[in-house]
Amino acid sequence: MTELPTLLEKVRNCTICAEHLPLGPRPVVQLGARARILIAGQAPGRKVHESGIPFDDASGDRLRRWMGVSREVFHDADRVSILPMGFCYPGSGKSGDLPPRPECAPQWRARLLSRLDNLQMTLVIGHYAMRYHLPGKSVSVTEAVRQWRDSWPGVVPMPHPSPRNNRWLKANPWFEQELVPELQSRIAGLLKTGG
């Protein structure tokens, strides 16, 4: 079995979908074998592509607030792993970024997830991540998030933290009133016991 650092080096040098990427390949992932929390997102945005740091944008600010963690904790791979469905910026479309490229998940996802033996909680952000991590749950993102207790505490479906979702958050105040406090409490406990 390939060690995680070797596998991550292969991921970071991946070019399988280069011809489809408007800015070229720049896989952005964060994985640590000791991490107890996994964030399964969609794909990096343009700002993340430029910096090479996961969630290094307004979406990340909101996600860290929802989680109740600092940037330092969030970007500590031994505490939080970040594995989007697509590792590179896919480009933009009419109403935001394009979907994650389909090549990443079959090529890398199972191999990377198999190295994360200490996971206790996976935050599943958005439709594409939900299809992978919540198979058989063929409901809208809103319904999946509304049913968060069904898979709690191991898997937590969440809306995307993008500022584009301000309307969704306003229409669904229960998310920040009910789920977010439970999420913060659970994460605080995992980080405390995880060292």
Protein backbone atom coordinates (compact mmCIF):
# COMPACT_ATOMS: atom_id res chain seq x y z
CA MET A 1 0.00 0.00 0.00
CA THR A 2 1.32 3.43 -0.96
CA GLU A 3 2.11 5.69 2.00
CA LEU A 4 0.01 8.85 2.27
CA PRO A 5 2.88 11.33 1.55
CA THR A 6 3.78 9.43 -1.63
CA LEU A 7 0.14 9.27 -2.71
CA LEU A 8 -0.32 12.99 -2.03
CA GLU A 9 2.73 13.76 -4.17
CA LYS A 10 1.16 11.80 -7.02
CA VAL A 11 -2.13 13.69 -6.54
CA ARG A 12 -0.39 17.06 -6.58
CA ASN A 13 1.33 16.13 -9.85
CA CYS A 14 -1.86 14.83 -11.48
CA THR A 15 -2.70 16.12 -14.96
CA ILE A 16 -5.44 13.68 -16.10
CA CYS A 17 -7.94 16.44 -16.88
CA ALA A 18 -5.47 19.20 -17.84
CA GLU A 19 -7.00 19.69 -21.29
CA HIS A 20 -10.34 20.66 -19.67
CA LEU A 21 -9.01 23.14 -17.10
CA PRO A 22 -8.98 26.82 -18.11
CA LEU A 23 -6.15 27.68 -15.70
CA GLY A 24 -4.34 24.36 -15.89
CA PRO A 25 -3.97 21.72 -13.19
CA ARG A 26 -3.29 22.70 -9.59
CA PRO A 27 -4.74 20.01 -7.31
CA VAL A 28 -5.67 21.45 -3.93
CA VAL A 29 -6.16 18.93 -1.13
CA GLN A 30 -5.22 18.72 2.55
CA LEU A 31 -4.89 15.32 4.17
CA GLY A 32 -3.38 14.04 7.36
CA ALA A 33 -3.56 10.46 8.57
CA ARG A 34 -4.39 11.61 12.14
CA ALA A 35 -7.26 13.94 11.14
CA ARG A 36 -10.59 13.20 12.80
CA ILE A 37 -12.60 15.59 10.62
CA LEU A 38 -12.98 15.44 6.85
CA ILE A 39 -14.44 18.20 4.70
CA ALA A 40 -15.76 16.77 1.44
CA GLY A 41 -16.42 19.75 -0.81
CA GLN A 42 -17.03 20.42 -4.47
CA ALA A 43 -13.92 21.85 -6.18
CA PRO A 44 -11.55 24.77 -5.58
CA GLY A 45 -12.62 28.21 -6.76
CA ARG A 46 -10.42 30.66 -8.64
CA LYS A 47 -9.00 32.26 -5.47
CA VAL A 48 -8.11 28.86 -4.03
CA HIS A 49 -6.50 27.90 -7.33
CA GLU A 50 -4.33 31.01 -7.11
CA SER A 51 -3.26 30.51 -3.48
CA GLY A 52 -3.17 26.70 -3.41
CA ILE A 53 -4.77 26.80 0.07
CA PRO A 54 -8.14 25.04 0.55
CA PHE A 55 -11.07 27.34 1.35
CA ASP A 56 -8.83 30.41 1.22
CA ASP A 57 -11.79 32.63 0.38
CA ALA A 58 -15.11 33.99 1.70
CA SER A 59 -16.60 30.46 1.62
CA GLY A 60 -13.80 29.30 3.91
CA ASP A 61 -14.40 32.18 6.32
CA ARG A 62 -18.04 31.17 6.65
CA LEU A 63 -17.24 27.45 6.91
CA ARG A 64 -14.72 28.10 9.70
CA ARG A 65 -17.33 30.18 11.51
CA TRP A 66 -19.89 27.37 11.18
CA MET A 67 -17.31 24.91 12.52
CA GLY A 68 -16.18 27.22 15.32
CA VAL A 69 -12.48 26.88 14.43
CA SER A 70 -9.62 29.23 13.64
CA ARG A 71 -7.72 29.32 10.33
CA GLU A 72 -4.79 27.72 12.14
CA VAL A 73 -6.83 24.72 13.29
CA PHE A 74 -8.68 24.48 9.97
CA HIS A 75 -5.44 24.31 7.98
CA ASP A 76 -3.76 21.79 10.29
CA ALA A 77 -3.88 18.56 8.26
CA ASP A 78 -3.46 16.52 11.44
CA ARG A 79 -6.81 17.88 12.63
CA VAL A 80 -8.83 18.55 9.46
CA SER A 81 -8.53 16.83 6.09
CA ILE A 82 -10.02 18.53 3.04
CA LEU A 83 -10.83 16.41 0.01
CA PRO A 84 -13.03 18.01 -2.66
CA MET A 85 -14.77 15.97 -5.33
CA GLY A 86 -12.62 17.67 -7.95
CA PHE A 87 -9.12 18.79 -6.96
CA CYS A 88 -8.62 21.55 -9.55
CA TYR A 89 -10.53 24.71 -10.44
CA PRO A 90 -12.97 23.63 -13.19
CA GLY A 91 -13.69 27.08 -14.62
CA SER A 92 -16.79 29.22 -14.42
CA GLY A 93 -20.19 28.90 -16.03
CA LYS A 94 -23.32 31.04 -16.27
CA SER A 95 -24.25 30.87 -12.59
CA GLY A 96 -20.95 30.19 -10.84
CA ASP A 97 -18.16 27.67 -11.07
CA LEU A 98 -18.56 24.61 -13.26
CA PRO A 99 -19.11 21.21 -11.63
CA PRO A 100 -16.07 19.29 -10.36
CA ARG A 101 -14.25 17.42 -13.11
CA PRO A 102 -15.42 13.77 -13.09
CA GLU A 103 -11.92 12.28 -13.43
CA CYS A 104 -10.74 12.96 -9.85
CA ALA A 105 -13.11 10.85 -7.80
CA PRO A 106 -12.60 7.51 -9.58
CA GLN A 107 -8.86 8.07 -9.91
CA TRP A 108 -8.04 9.16 -6.35
CA ARG A 109 -10.90 9.32 -3.86
CA ALA A 110 -11.08 5.73 -2.58
CA ARG A 111 -7.30 5.47 -2.28
CA LEU A 112 -7.06 8.71 -0.31
CA LEU A 113 -10.03 7.96 1.95
CA SER A 114 -8.55 4.55 2.77
CA ARG A 115 -5.58 6.32 4.41
CA LEU A 116 -7.81 8.31 6.79
CA ASP A 117 -8.32 5.74 9.55
CA ASN A 118 -9.10 8.21 12.35
CA LEU A 119 -12.06 10.03 10.83
CA GLN A 120 -14.97 10.59 13.18
CA MET A 121 -16.95 13.18 11.20
CA THR A 122 -17.31 14.05 7.52
CA LEU A 123 -18.83 17.38 6.50
CA VAL A 124 -20.43 16.80 3.10
CA ILE A 125 -20.79 20.09 1.28
CA GLY A 126 -23.04 20.41 -1.73
CA HIS A 127 -24.76 18.18 -4.23
CA TYR A 128 -21.76 16.41 -5.81
CA ALA A 129 -20.21 15.47 -2.47
CA MET A 130 -23.60 14.30 -1.19
CA ARG A 131 -24.04 11.97 -4.16
CA TYR A 132 -20.74 10.30 -3.27
CA HIS A 133 -20.89 10.28 0.54
CA LEU A 134 -24.65 9.78 0.96
CA PRO A 135 -25.44 7.24 -1.77
CA GLY A 136 -29.10 6.43 -2.12
CA LYS A 137 -30.21 9.75 -0.67
CA SER A 138 -31.75 11.19 -3.82
CA VAL A 139 -33.17 14.36 -2.36
CA SER A 140 -32.34 18.01 -2.84
CA VAL A 141 -29.48 19.61 -0.92
CA THR A 142 -32.07 21.39 1.24
CA GLU A 143 -33.81 18.12 2.13
CA ALA A 144 -30.54 16.31 2.76
CA VAL A 145 -29.42 19.09 5.12
CA ARG A 146 -32.85 19.17 6.77
CA GLN A 147 -32.43 15.42 7.47
CA TRP A 148 -28.96 15.91 9.00
CA ARG A 149 -29.85 13.92 12.13
CA ASP A 150 -30.27 10.77 9.99
CA SER A 151 -26.50 10.43 9.50
CA TRP A 152 -25.32 12.36 12.58
CA PRO A 153 -22.63 12.46 13.87
CA GLY A 154 -20.55 10.55 11.33
CA VAL A 155 -21.72 12.33 8.17
CA VAL A 156 -23.13 15.85 8.15
CA PRO A 157 -24.76 17.15 4.95
CA MET A 158 -24.28 20.91 4.58
CA PRO A 159 -25.07 23.64 2.08
CA HIS A 160 -22.16 25.31 0.35
CA PRO A 161 -20.84 28.17 2.50
CA SER A 162 -20.49 30.44 -0.55
CA PRO A 163 -21.85 34.00 -0.33
CA ARG A 164 -24.01 32.94 -3.29
CA ASN A 165 -26.02 30.93 -0.74
CA ASN A 166 -27.08 33.95 1.36
CA ARG A 167 -30.63 33.60 0.04
CA TRP A 168 -30.70 29.90 1.03
CA LEU A 169 -29.48 30.71 4.54
CA LYS A 170 -32.11 33.42 4.92
CA ALA A 171 -34.84 31.01 3.77
CA ASN A 172 -33.58 28.22 6.09
CA PRO A 173 -32.71 29.88 9.43
CA TRP A 174 -33.00 26.50 11.19
CA PHE A 175 -29.61 25.55 9.72
CA GLU A 176 -27.65 28.12 11.72
CA GLN A 177 -30.01 27.92 14.70
CA GLU A 178 -30.11 24.11 15.08
CA LEU A 179 -27.35 22.34 13.15
CA VAL A 180 -24.46 24.81 13.53
CA PRO A 181 -24.42 24.81 17.37
CA GLU A 182 -24.46 21.00 17.41
CA LEU A 183 -21.72 20.95 14.80
CA GLN A 184 -19.53 23.36 16.79
CA SER A 185 -19.98 21.35 19.97
CA ARG A 186 -19.12 18.05 18.26
CA ILE A 187 -16.08 19.51 16.51
CA ALA A 188 -14.81 21.08 19.73
CA GLY A 189 -15.03 17.66 21.40
CA LEU A 190 -13.25 15.91 18.54
CA LEU A 191 -10.43 18.45 18.49
CA LYS A 192 -10.03 18.28 22.26
CA THR A 193 -9.88 14.49 22.40
CA GLY A 194 -7.80 14.34 19.21
CA GLY A 195 -4.94 16.30 20.77
